[in-house]
Amino acid sequence: MLATGDKAKLALARSLLDSAEIIYMVRGDLVQDLFGWGRLGSAYSFPIGPVQVWCRREDAEFARELLGDIASYTTPARPLWLRLLVWYVLLYMTWTLFAGLLNTAARR
């Protein structure tokens, strides 16, 4: 019904479905940060995929009408400097971790 990595879209979808008293399920929300680097550098974890909102078949058509505007809205892209900063921090953390492991192994 709706697949997104945007937390604002997810919160709005939950609010709309709650107010319409539609029973729904959110799949993949709690496991976004369990694998790999989590959501670092993107809106969702690539191994898990975007968060999905599901509802019963009886409510699907009405729920699609409610969430139609949310699904079509695109969030503005993150600025290039922010994406580069995220990658710099990621690479620095990786380098520091491996350098520390190598120093520990060399001292033994």
PDB file of N, CA and C in Angstrom:
ATOM      1  N   MET A   1       0.822  -1.184   0.000  1.00  0.00           N
ATOM      2  CA  MET A   1       0.000   0.000   0.000  1.00  0.00           C
ATOM      3  C   MET A   1       0.867   1.249   0.000  1.00  0.00           C
ATOM      4  N   LEU A   2       1.825   1.326   0.942  1.00  0.00           N
ATOM      5  CA  LEU A   2       2.751   2.460   0.984  1.00  0.00           C
ATOM      6  C   LEU A   2       4.115   1.937   1.410  1.00  0.00           C
ATOM      7  N   ALA A   3       5.129   2.300   0.668  1.00  0.00           N
ATOM      8  CA  ALA A   3       6.505   1.942   1.018  1.00  0.00           C
ATOM      9  C   ALA A   3       7.320   3.219   1.022  1.00  0.00           C
ATOM     10  N   THR A   4       7.955   3.510   2.153  1.00  0.00           N
ATOM     11  CA  THR A   4       8.704   4.755   2.273  1.00  0.00           C
ATOM     12  C   THR A   4       9.848   4.596   3.261  1.00  0.00           C
ATOM     13  N   GLY A   5      10.829   5.428   3.118  1.00  0.00           N
ATOM     14  CA  GLY A   5      11.914   5.505   4.080  1.00  0.00           C
ATOM     15  C   GLY A   5      11.852   6.797   4.868  1.00  0.00           C
ATOM     16  N   ASP A   6      10.880   7.634   4.552  1.00  0.00           N
ATOM     17  CA  ASP A   6      10.735   8.943   5.175  1.00  0.00           C
ATOM     18  C   ASP A   6       9.901   8.816   6.451  1.00  0.00           C
ATOM     19  N   LYS A   7      10.491   9.174   7.582  1.00  0.00           N
ATOM     20  CA  LYS A   7       9.788   9.057   8.861  1.00  0.00           C
ATOM     21  C   LYS A   7       8.579   9.986   8.950  1.00  0.00           C
ATOM     22  N   ALA A   8       8.667  11.149   8.309  1.00  0.00           N
ATOM     23  CA  ALA A   8       7.543  12.084   8.330  1.00  0.00           C
ATOM     24  C   ALA A   8       6.353  11.510   7.569  1.00  0.00           C
ATOM     25  N   LYS A   9       6.611  10.902   6.411  1.00  0.00           N
ATOM     26  CA  LYS A   9       5.532  10.266   5.648  1.00  0.00           C
ATOM     27  C   LYS A   9       4.904   9.132   6.448  1.00  0.00           C
ATOM     28  N   LEU A  10       5.737   8.360   7.115  1.00  0.00           N
ATOM     29  CA  LEU A  10       5.244   7.237   7.900  1.00  0.00           C
ATOM     30  C   LEU A  10       4.375   7.721   9.059  1.00  0.00           C
ATOM     31  N   ALA A  11       4.808   8.763   9.742  1.00  0.00           N
ATOM     32  CA  ALA A  11       4.021   9.303  10.852  1.00  0.00           C
ATOM     33  C   ALA A  11       2.688   9.858  10.359  1.00  0.00           C
ATOM     34  N   LEU A  12       2.701  10.545   9.227  1.00  0.00           N
ATOM     35  CA  LEU A  12       1.464  11.086   8.666  1.00  0.00           C
ATOM     36  C   LEU A  12       0.533   9.962   8.229  1.00  0.00           C
ATOM     37  N   ALA A  13       1.080   8.922   7.611  1.00  0.00           N
ATOM     38  CA  ALA A  13       0.260   7.781   7.191  1.00  0.00           C
ATOM     39  C   ALA A  13      -0.376   7.104   8.399  1.00  0.00           C
ATOM     40  N   ARG A  14       0.401   6.911   9.457  1.00  0.00           N
ATOM     41  CA  ARG A  14      -0.155   6.311  10.671  1.00  0.00           C
ATOM     42  C   ARG A  14      -1.275   7.167  11.250  1.00  0.00           C
ATOM     43  N   SER A  15      -1.061   8.465  11.277  1.00  0.00           N
ATOM     44  CA  SER A  15      -2.066   9.372  11.818  1.00  0.00           C
ATOM     45  C   SER A  15      -3.359   9.319  11.006  1.00  0.00           C
ATOM     46  N   LEU A  16      -3.235   9.345   9.684  1.00  0.00           N
ATOM     47  CA  LEU A  16      -4.425   9.297   8.828  1.00  0.00           C
ATOM     48  C   LEU A  16      -5.169   7.972   8.970  1.00  0.00           C
ATOM     49  N   LEU A  17      -4.439   6.876   9.008  1.00  0.00           N
ATOM     50  CA  LEU A  17      -5.090   5.570   9.142  1.00  0.00           C
ATOM     51  C   LEU A  17      -5.726   5.401  10.519  1.00  0.00           C
ATOM     52  N   ASP A  18      -5.075   5.916  11.558  1.00  0.00           N
ATOM     53  CA  ASP A  18      -5.662   5.868  12.900  1.00  0.00           C
ATOM     54  C   ASP A  18      -6.945   6.684  12.973  1.00  0.00           C
ATOM     55  N   SER A  19      -6.927   7.877  12.389  1.00  0.00           N
ATOM     56  CA  SER A  19      -8.117   8.731  12.453  1.00  0.00           C
ATOM     57  C   SER A  19      -9.275   8.148  11.645  1.00  0.00           C
ATOM     58  N   ALA A  20      -8.971   7.386  10.596  1.00  0.00           N
ATOM     59  CA  ALA A  20     -10.022   6.738   9.807  1.00  0.00           C
ATOM     60  C   ALA A  20     -10.402   5.377  10.390  1.00  0.00           C
ATOM     61  N   GLU A  21      -9.772   4.999  11.495  1.00  0.00           N
ATOM     62  CA  GLU A  21     -10.010   3.731  12.186  1.00  0.00           C
ATOM     63  C   GLU A  21      -9.809   2.529  11.267  1.00  0.00           C
ATOM     64  N   ILE A  22      -8.754   2.597  10.464  1.00  0.00           N
ATOM     65  CA  ILE A  22      -8.374   1.493   9.590  1.00  0.00           C
ATOM     66  C   ILE A  22      -7.298   0.677  10.294  1.00  0.00           C
ATOM     67  N   ILE A  23      -7.504  -0.620  10.348  1.00  0.00           N
ATOM     68  CA  ILE A  23      -6.516  -1.509  10.963  1.00  0.00           C
ATOM     69  C   ILE A  23      -5.386  -1.711   9.962  1.00  0.00           C
ATOM     70  N   TYR A  24      -4.157  -1.494  10.418  1.00  0.00           N
ATOM     71  CA  TYR A  24      -3.006  -1.575   9.519  1.00  0.00           C
ATOM     72  C   TYR A  24      -1.813  -2.194  10.238  1.00  0.00           C
ATOM     73  N   MET A  25      -0.811  -2.537   9.460  1.00  0.00           N
ATOM     74  CA  MET A  25       0.417  -3.109   9.991  1.00  0.00           C
ATOM     75  C   MET A  25       1.599  -2.394   9.342  1.00  0.00           C
ATOM     76  N   VAL A  26       2.599  -2.076  10.136  1.00  0.00           N
ATOM     77  CA  VAL A  26       3.818  -1.456   9.614  1.00  0.00           C
ATOM     78  C   VAL A  26       4.905  -2.523   9.623  1.00  0.00           C
ATOM     79  N   ARG A  27       5.461  -2.777   8.459  1.00  0.00           N
ATOM     80  CA  ARG A  27       6.447  -3.853   8.313  1.00  0.00           C
ATOM     81  C   ARG A  27       7.840  -3.266   8.080  1.00  0.00           C
ATOM     82  N   GLY A  28       8.796  -3.688   8.897  1.00  0.00           N
ATOM     83  CA  GLY A  28      10.189  -3.303   8.697  1.00  0.00           C
ATOM     84  C   GLY A  28      10.614  -2.036   9.414  1.00  0.00           C
ATOM     85  N   ASP A  29       9.763  -1.471  10.258  1.00  0.00           N
ATOM     86  CA  ASP A  29      10.104  -0.216  10.927  1.00  0.00           C
ATOM     87  C   ASP A  29      11.123  -0.417  12.045  1.00  0.00           C
ATOM     88  N   LEU A  30      10.969  -1.481  12.803  1.00  0.00           N
ATOM     89  CA  LEU A  30      11.815  -1.677  13.978  1.00  0.00           C
ATOM     90  C   LEU A  30      13.153  -2.339  13.668  1.00  0.00           C
ATOM     91  N   VAL A  31      13.335  -2.842  12.459  1.00  0.00           N
ATOM     92  CA  VAL A  31      14.577  -3.544  12.125  1.00  0.00           C
ATOM     93  C   VAL A  31      15.466  -2.742  11.180  1.00  0.00           C
ATOM     94  N   GLN A  32      15.173  -1.483  10.963  1.00  0.00           N
ATOM     95  CA  GLN A  32      15.939  -0.669  10.015  1.00  0.00           C
ATOM     96  C   GLN A  32      17.403  -0.520  10.413  1.00  0.00           C
ATOM     97  N   ASP A  33      17.696  -0.496  11.703  1.00  0.00           N
ATOM     98  CA  ASP A  33      19.063  -0.244  12.156  1.00  0.00           C
ATOM     99  C   ASP A  33      19.787  -1.505  12.633  1.00  0.00           C
ATOM    100  N   LEU A  34      19.251  -2.676  12.344  1.00  0.00           N
ATOM    101  CA  LEU A  34      19.865  -3.911  12.837  1.00  0.00           C
ATOM    102  C   LEU A  34      20.987  -4.441  11.962  1.00  0.00           C
ATOM    103  N   PHE A  35      20.939  -4.192  10.664  1.00  0.00           N
ATOM    104  CA  PHE A  35      21.887  -4.813   9.746  1.00  0.00           C
ATOM    105  C   PHE A  35      22.757  -3.767   9.079  1.00  0.00           C
ATOM    106  N   GLY A  36      23.994  -4.135   8.824  1.00  0.00           N
ATOM    107  CA  GLY A  36      24.912  -3.240   8.123  1.00  0.00           C
ATOM    108  C   GLY A  36      25.135  -1.954   8.908  1.00  0.00           C
ATOM    109  N   TRP A  37      25.074  -0.851   8.205  1.00  0.00           N
ATOM    110  CA  TRP A  37      25.258   0.464   8.822  1.00  0.00           C
ATOM    111  C   TRP A  37      23.926   1.116   9.140  1.00  0.00           C
ATOM    112  N   GLY A  38      22.836   0.386   9.074  1.00  0.00           N
ATOM    113  CA  GLY A  38      21.528   0.953   9.370  1.00  0.00           C
ATOM    114  C   GLY A  38      21.091   1.911   8.279  1.00  0.00           C
ATOM    115  N   ARG A  39      20.574   3.052   8.687  1.00  0.00           N
ATOM    116  CA  ARG A  39      20.067   4.044   7.738  1.00  0.00           C
ATOM    117  C   ARG A  39      21.117   5.067   7.342  1.00  0.00           C
ATOM    118  N   LEU A  40      22.341   4.867   7.722  1.00  0.00           N
ATOM    119  CA  LEU A  40      23.388   5.850   7.496  1.00  0.00           C
ATOM    120  C   LEU A  40      23.533   6.173   6.013  1.00  0.00           C
ATOM    121  N   GLY A  41      23.313   7.420   5.661  1.00  0.00           N
ATOM    122  CA  GLY A  41      23.474   7.871   4.290  1.00  0.00           C
ATOM    123  C   GLY A  41      22.254   7.703   3.420  1.00  0.00           C
ATOM    124  N   SER A  42      21.189   7.129   3.950  1.00  0.00           N
ATOM    125  CA  SER A  42      19.974   6.959   3.154  1.00  0.00           C
ATOM    126  C   SER A  42      18.767   7.052   4.073  1.00  0.00           C
ATOM    127  N   ALA A  43      17.595   6.946   3.488  1.00  0.00           N
ATOM    128  CA  ALA A  43      16.370   7.034   4.272  1.00  0.00           C
ATOM    129  C   ALA A  43      15.994   5.698   4.900  1.00  0.00           C
ATOM    130  N   TYR A  44      16.547   4.617   4.378  1.00  0.00           N
ATOM    131  CA  TYR A  44      16.232   3.298   4.919  1.00  0.00           C
ATOM    132  C   TYR A  44      17.433   2.376   4.744  1.00  0.00           C
ATOM    133  N   SER A  45      17.386   1.266   5.449  1.00  0.00           N
ATOM    134  CA  SER A  45      18.457   0.275   5.374  1.00  0.00           C
ATOM    135  C   SER A  45      18.314  -0.521   4.079  1.00  0.00           C
ATOM    136  N   PHE A  46      19.376  -0.574   3.275  1.00  0.00           N
ATOM    137  CA  PHE A  46      19.295  -1.266   1.990  1.00  0.00           C
ATOM    138  C   PHE A  46      19.026  -2.770   2.123  1.00  0.00           C
ATOM    139  N   PRO A  47      19.606  -3.486   3.092  1.00  0.00           N
ATOM    140  CA  PRO A  47      19.272  -4.916   3.193  1.00  0.00           C
ATOM    141  C   PRO A  47      17.809  -5.169   3.562  1.00  0.00           C
ATOM    142  N   ILE A  48      17.215  -4.278   4.330  1.00  0.00           N
ATOM    143  CA  ILE A  48      15.837  -4.462   4.785  1.00  0.00           C
ATOM    144  C   ILE A  48      14.839  -3.905   3.779  1.00  0.00           C
ATOM    145  N   GLY A  49      15.174  -2.790   3.172  1.00  0.00           N
ATOM    146  CA  GLY A  49      14.250  -2.129   2.254  1.00  0.00           C
ATOM    147  C   GLY A  49      13.434  -1.075   2.984  1.00  0.00           C
ATOM    148  N   PRO A  50      12.608  -0.336   2.260  1.00  0.00           N
ATOM    149  CA  PRO A  50      11.821   0.718   2.899  1.00  0.00           C
ATOM    150  C   PRO A  50      10.739   0.134   3.808  1.00  0.00           C
ATOM    151  N   VAL A  51      10.263   0.956   4.722  1.00  0.00           N
ATOM    152  CA  VAL A  51       9.180   0.568   5.617  1.00  0.00           C
ATOM    153  C   VAL A  51       7.902   0.446   4.790  1.00  0.00           C
ATOM    154  N   GLN A  52       7.111  -0.594   5.061  1.00  0.00           N
ATOM    155  CA  GLN A  52       5.878  -0.825   4.312  1.00  0.00           C
ATOM    156  C   GLN A  52       4.682  -0.749   5.240  1.00  0.00           C
ATOM    157  N   VAL A  53       3.616  -0.108   4.772  1.00  0.00           N
ATOM    158  CA  VAL A  53       2.359  -0.030   5.509  1.00  0.00           C
ATOM    159  C   VAL A  53       1.352  -0.907   4.772  1.00  0.00           C
ATOM    160  N   TRP A  54       0.754  -1.837   5.491  1.00  0.00           N
ATOM    161  CA  TRP A  54      -0.209  -2.772   4.920  1.00  0.00           C
ATOM    162  C   TRP A  54      -1.535  -2.651   5.665  1.00  0.00           C
ATOM    163  N   CYS A  55      -2.637  -2.934   4.989  1.00  0.00           N
ATOM    164  CA  CYS A  55      -3.943  -2.973   5.650  1.00  0.00           C
ATOM    165  C   CYS A  55      -4.757  -4.131   5.079  1.00  0.00           C
ATOM    166  N   ARG A  56      -5.966  -4.328   5.614  1.00  0.00           N
ATOM    167  CA  ARG A  56      -6.832  -5.407   5.130  1.00  0.00           C
ATOM    168  C   ARG A  56      -7.340  -5.097   3.729  1.00  0.00           C
ATOM    169  N   ARG A  57      -7.695  -6.132   3.007  1.00  0.00           N
ATOM    170  CA  ARG A  57      -8.187  -5.949   1.635  1.00  0.00           C
ATOM    171  C   ARG A  57      -9.455  -5.113   1.592  1.00  0.00           C
ATOM    172  N   GLU A  58     -10.309  -5.273   2.589  1.00  0.00           N
ATOM    173  CA  GLU A  58     -11.573  -4.525   2.612  1.00  0.00           C
ATOM    174  C   GLU A  58     -11.332  -3.019   2.698  1.00  0.00           C
ATOM    175  N   ASP A  59     -10.251  -2.635   3.358  1.00  0.00           N
ATOM    176  CA  ASP A  59      -9.953  -1.215   3.564  1.00  0.00           C
ATOM    177  C   ASP A  59      -8.937  -0.666   2.567  1.00  0.00           C
ATOM    178  N   ALA A  60      -8.430  -1.510   1.685  1.00  0.00           N
ATOM    179  CA  ALA A  60      -7.306  -1.118   0.828  1.00  0.00           C
ATOM    180  C   ALA A  60      -7.638   0.059  -0.084  1.00  0.00           C
ATOM    181  N   GLU A  61      -8.803   0.038  -0.718  1.00  0.00           N
ATOM    182  CA  GLU A  61      -9.135   1.115  -1.660  1.00  0.00           C
ATOM    183  C   GLU A  61      -9.271   2.456  -0.938  1.00  0.00           C
ATOM    184  N   PHE A  62      -9.962   2.457   0.198  1.00  0.00           N
ATOM    185  CA  PHE A  62     -10.124   3.698   0.958  1.00  0.00           C
ATOM    186  C   PHE A  62      -8.777   4.182   1.504  1.00  0.00           C
ATOM    187  N   ALA A  63      -7.950   3.248   1.945  1.00  0.00           N
ATOM    188  CA  ALA A  63      -6.631   3.618   2.470  1.00  0.00           C
ATOM    189  C   ALA A  63      -5.751   4.199   1.369  1.00  0.00           C
ATOM    190  N   ARG A  64      -5.830   3.648   0.167  1.00  0.00           N
ATOM    191  CA  ARG A  64      -5.054   4.206  -0.952  1.00  0.00           C
ATOM    192  C   ARG A  64      -5.490   5.632  -1.270  1.00  0.00           C
ATOM    193  N   GLU A  65      -6.784   5.893  -1.184  1.00  0.00           N
ATOM    194  CA  GLU A  65      -7.273   7.263  -1.397  1.00  0.00           C
ATOM    195  C   GLU A  65      -6.728   8.199  -0.326  1.00  0.00           C
ATOM    196  N   LEU A  66      -6.728   7.733   0.923  1.00  0.00           N
ATOM    197  CA  LEU A  66      -6.202   8.558   2.020  1.00  0.00           C
ATOM    198  C   LEU A  66      -4.717   8.850   1.844  1.00  0.00           C
ATOM    199  N   LEU A  67      -3.970   7.840   1.455  1.00  0.00           N
ATOM    200  CA  LEU A  67      -2.515   7.954   1.400  1.00  0.00           C
ATOM    201  C   LEU A  67      -1.988   8.322   0.017  1.00  0.00           C
ATOM    202  N   GLY A  68      -2.865   8.587  -0.924  1.00  0.00           N
ATOM    203  CA  GLY A  68      -2.442   8.889  -2.288  1.00  0.00           C
ATOM    204  C   GLY A  68      -1.536  10.096  -2.380  1.00  0.00           C
ATOM    205  N   ASP A  69      -1.876  11.167  -1.680  1.00  0.00           N
ATOM    206  CA  ASP A  69      -1.045  12.372  -1.720  1.00  0.00           C
ATOM    207  C   ASP A  69       0.306  12.152  -1.049  1.00  0.00           C
ATOM    208  N   ILE A  70       0.314  11.345  -0.005  1.00  0.00           N
ATOM    209  CA  ILE A  70       1.575  11.080   0.695  1.00  0.00           C
ATOM    210  C   ILE A  70       2.525  10.296  -0.206  1.00  0.00           C
ATOM    211  N   ALA A  71       2.001   9.292  -0.882  1.00  0.00           N
ATOM    212  CA  ALA A  71       2.843   8.441  -1.727  1.00  0.00           C
ATOM    213  C   ALA A  71       3.428   9.218  -2.899  1.00  0.00           C
ATOM    214  N   SER A  72       2.684  10.190  -3.414  1.00  0.00           N
ATOM    215  CA  SER A  72       3.169  10.926  -4.586  1.00  0.00           C
ATOM    216  C   SER A  72       4.122  12.065  -4.213  1.00  0.00           C
ATOM    217  N   TYR A  73       4.122  12.475  -2.947  1.00  0.00           N
ATOM    218  CA  TYR A  73       4.993  13.569  -2.518  1.00  0.00           C
ATOM    219  C   TYR A  73       6.434  13.084  -2.441  1.00  0.00           C
ATOM    220  N   THR A  74       7.336  13.820  -3.043  1.00  0.00           N
ATOM    221  CA  THR A  74       8.758  13.471  -2.953  1.00  0.00           C
ATOM    222  C   THR A  74       9.465  14.459  -2.037  1.00  0.00           C
ATOM    223  N   THR A  75      10.275  13.933  -1.167  1.00  0.00           N
ATOM    224  CA  THR A  75      11.025  14.794  -0.263  1.00  0.00           C
ATOM    225  C   THR A  75      12.215  15.383  -1.006  1.00  0.00           C
ATOM    226  N   PRO A  76      12.615  16.586  -0.649  1.00  0.00           N
ATOM    227  CA  PRO A  76      13.769  17.182  -1.323  1.00  0.00           C
ATOM    228  C   PRO A  76      15.037  16.375  -1.052  1.00  0.00           C
ATOM    229  N   ALA A  77      15.906  16.357  -2.021  1.00  0.00           N
ATOM    230  CA  ALA A  77      17.159  15.601  -1.888  1.00  0.00           C
ATOM    231  C   ALA A  77      18.062  16.243  -0.840  1.00  0.00           C
ATOM    232  N   ARG A  78      18.827  15.414  -0.183  1.00  0.00           N
ATOM    233  CA  ARG A  78      19.787  15.941   0.785  1.00  0.00           C
ATOM    234  C   ARG A  78      20.891  16.666   0.026  1.00  0.00           C
ATOM    235  N   PRO A  79      21.396  17.749   0.600  1.00  0.00           N
ATOM    236  CA  PRO A  79      22.460  18.483  -0.095  1.00  0.00           C
ATOM    237  C   PRO A  79      23.725  17.625  -0.236  1.00  0.00           C
ATOM    238  N   LEU A  80      24.479  17.928  -1.258  1.00  0.00           N
ATOM    239  CA  LEU A  80      25.689  17.161  -1.555  1.00  0.00           C
ATOM    240  C   LEU A  80      26.679  17.198  -0.399  1.00  0.00           C
ATOM    241  N   TRP A  81      26.829  18.359   0.252  1.00  0.00           N
ATOM    242  CA  TRP A  81      27.798  18.463   1.342  1.00  0.00           C
ATOM    243  C   TRP A  81      27.434  17.526   2.485  1.00  0.00           C
ATOM    244  N   LEU A  82      26.129  17.334   2.722  1.00  0.00           N
ATOM    245  CA  LEU A  82      25.711  16.452   3.801  1.00  0.00           C
ATOM    246  C   LEU A  82      25.986  14.990   3.445  1.00  0.00           C
ATOM    247  N   ARG A  83      25.718  14.617   2.210  1.00  0.00           N
ATOM    248  CA  ARG A  83      26.009  13.250   1.781  1.00  0.00           C
ATOM    249  C   ARG A  83      27.507  12.968   1.839  1.00  0.00           C
ATOM    250  N   LEU A  84      28.329  13.935   1.422  1.00  0.00           N
ATOM    251  CA  LEU A  84      29.781  13.756   1.490  1.00  0.00           C
ATOM    252  C   LEU A  84      30.266  13.656   2.932  1.00  0.00           C
ATOM    253  N   LEU A  85      29.668  14.451   3.807  1.00  0.00           N
ATOM    254  CA  LEU A  85      30.033  14.394   5.222  1.00  0.00           C
ATOM    255  C   LEU A  85      29.712  13.030   5.815  1.00  0.00           C
ATOM    256  N   VAL A  86      28.558  12.488   5.477  1.00  0.00           N
ATOM    257  CA  VAL A  86      28.182  11.164   5.978  1.00  0.00           C
ATOM    258  C   VAL A  86      29.184  10.112   5.516  1.00  0.00           C
ATOM    259  N   TRP A  87      29.561  10.152   4.246  1.00  0.00           N
ATOM    260  CA  TRP A  87      30.533   9.185   3.739  1.00  0.00           C
ATOM    261  C   TRP A  87      31.909   9.386   4.367  1.00  0.00           C
ATOM    262  N   TYR A  88      32.298  10.631   4.611  1.00  0.00           N
ATOM    263  CA  TYR A  88      33.580  10.902   5.259  1.00  0.00           C
ATOM    264  C   TYR A  88      33.598  10.300   6.666  1.00  0.00           C
ATOM    265  N   VAL A  89      32.531  10.527   7.418  1.00  0.00           N
ATOM    266  CA  VAL A  89      32.456   9.992   8.782  1.00  0.00           C
ATOM    267  C   VAL A  89      32.466   8.468   8.750  1.00  0.00           C
ATOM    268  N   LEU A  90      31.733   7.896   7.817  1.00  0.00           N
ATOM    269  CA  LEU A  90      31.689   6.442   7.689  1.00  0.00           C
ATOM    270  C   LEU A  90      33.073   5.870   7.385  1.00  0.00           C
ATOM    271  N   LEU A  91      33.765   6.457   6.437  1.00  0.00           N
ATOM    272  CA  LEU A  91      35.104   5.977   6.089  1.00  0.00           C
ATOM    273  C   LEU A  91      36.101   6.202   7.222  1.00  0.00           C
ATOM    274  N   TYR A  92      35.987   7.344   7.911  1.00  0.00           N
ATOM    275  CA  TYR A  92      36.881   7.629   9.031  1.00  0.00           C
ATOM    276  C   TYR A  92      36.675   6.615  10.156  1.00  0.00           C
ATOM    277  N   MET A  93      35.415   6.310  10.460  1.00  0.00           N
ATOM    278  CA  MET A  93      35.129   5.336  11.512  1.00  0.00           C
ATOM    279  C   MET A  93      35.675   3.958  11.137  1.00  0.00           C
ATOM    280  N   THR A  94      35.508   3.577   9.879  1.00  0.00           N
ATOM    281  CA  THR A  94      36.010   2.282   9.421  1.00  0.00           C
ATOM    282  C   THR A  94      37.529   2.234   9.502  1.00  0.00           C
ATOM    283  N   TRP A  95      38.172   3.287   9.043  1.00  0.00           N
ATOM    284  CA  TRP A  95      39.639   3.356   9.081  1.00  0.00           C
ATOM    285  C   TRP A  95      40.145   3.297  10.524  1.00  0.00           C
ATOM    286  N   THR A  96      39.521   4.042  11.409  1.00  0.00           N
ATOM    287  CA  THR A  96      39.929   4.062  12.813  1.00  0.00           C
ATOM    288  C   THR A  96      39.770   2.684  13.439  1.00  0.00           C
ATOM    289  N   LEU A  97      38.674   2.015  13.131  1.00  0.00           N
ATOM    290  CA  LEU A  97      38.439   0.683  13.675  1.00  0.00           C
ATOM    291  C   LEU A  97      39.511  -0.296  13.211  1.00  0.00           C
ATOM    292  N   PHE A  98      39.779  -0.328  11.923  1.00  0.00           N
ATOM    293  CA  PHE A  98      40.774  -1.269  11.407  1.00  0.00           C
ATOM    294  C   PHE A  98      42.189  -0.905  11.844  1.00  0.00           C
ATOM    295  N   ALA A  99      42.506   0.380  11.930  1.00  0.00           N
ATOM    296  CA  ALA A  99      43.832   0.784  12.411  1.00  0.00           C
ATOM    297  C   ALA A  99      44.016   0.349  13.862  1.00  0.00           C
ATOM    298  N   GLY A 100      42.979   0.487  14.664  1.00  0.00           N
ATOM    299  CA  GLY A 100      43.050   0.043  16.053  1.00  0.00           C
ATOM    300  C   GLY A 100      43.230  -1.458  16.167  1.00  0.00           C
ATOM    301  N   LEU A 101      42.528  -2.200  15.320  1.00  0.00           N
ATOM    302  CA  LEU A 101      42.676  -3.656  15.335  1.00  0.00           C
ATOM    303  C   LEU A 101      44.068  -4.080  14.896  1.00  0.00           C
ATOM    304  N   LEU A 102      44.610  -3.405  13.892  1.00  0.00           N
ATOM    305  CA  LEU A 102      45.957  -3.736  13.427  1.00  0.00           C
ATOM    306  C   LEU A 102      47.004  -3.416  14.482  1.00  0.00           C
ATOM    307  N   ASN A 103      46.853  -2.292  15.167  1.00  0.00           N
ATOM    308  CA  ASN A 103      47.803  -1.933  16.231  1.00  0.00           C
ATOM    309  C   ASN A 103      47.741  -2.927  17.379  1.00  0.00           C
ATOM    310  N   THR A 104      46.534  -3.364  17.717  1.00  0.00           N
ATOM    311  CA  THR A 104      46.383  -4.340  18.789  1.00  0.00           C
ATOM    312  C   THR A 104      47.027  -5.665  18.403  1.00  0.00           C
ATOM    313  N   ALA A 105      46.829  -6.080  17.159  1.00  0.00           N
ATOM    314  CA  ALA A 105      47.413  -7.344  16.693  1.00  0.00           C
ATOM    315  C   ALA A 105      48.932  -7.241  16.600  1.00  0.00           C
ATOM    316  N   ALA A 106      49.469  -6.075  16.231  1.00  0.00           N
ATOM    317  CA  ALA A 106      50.919  -5.898  16.092  1.00  0.00           C
ATOM    318  C   ALA A 106      51.611  -5.917  17.447  1.00  0.00           C
ATOM    319  N   ARG A 107      50.939  -5.477  18.506  1.00  0.00           N
ATOM    320  CA  ARG A 107      51.540  -5.437  19.839  1.00  0.00           C
ATOM    321  C   ARG A 107      51.636  -6.817  20.465  1.00  0.00           C
ATOM    322  N   ARG A 108      50.876  -7.755  19.979  1.00  0.00           N
ATOM    323  CA  ARG A 108      50.872  -9.097  20.597  1.00  0.00           C
ATOM    324  C   ARG A 108      52.019  -9.881  20.161  1.00  0.00           C
TER     325      ARG A 108
END
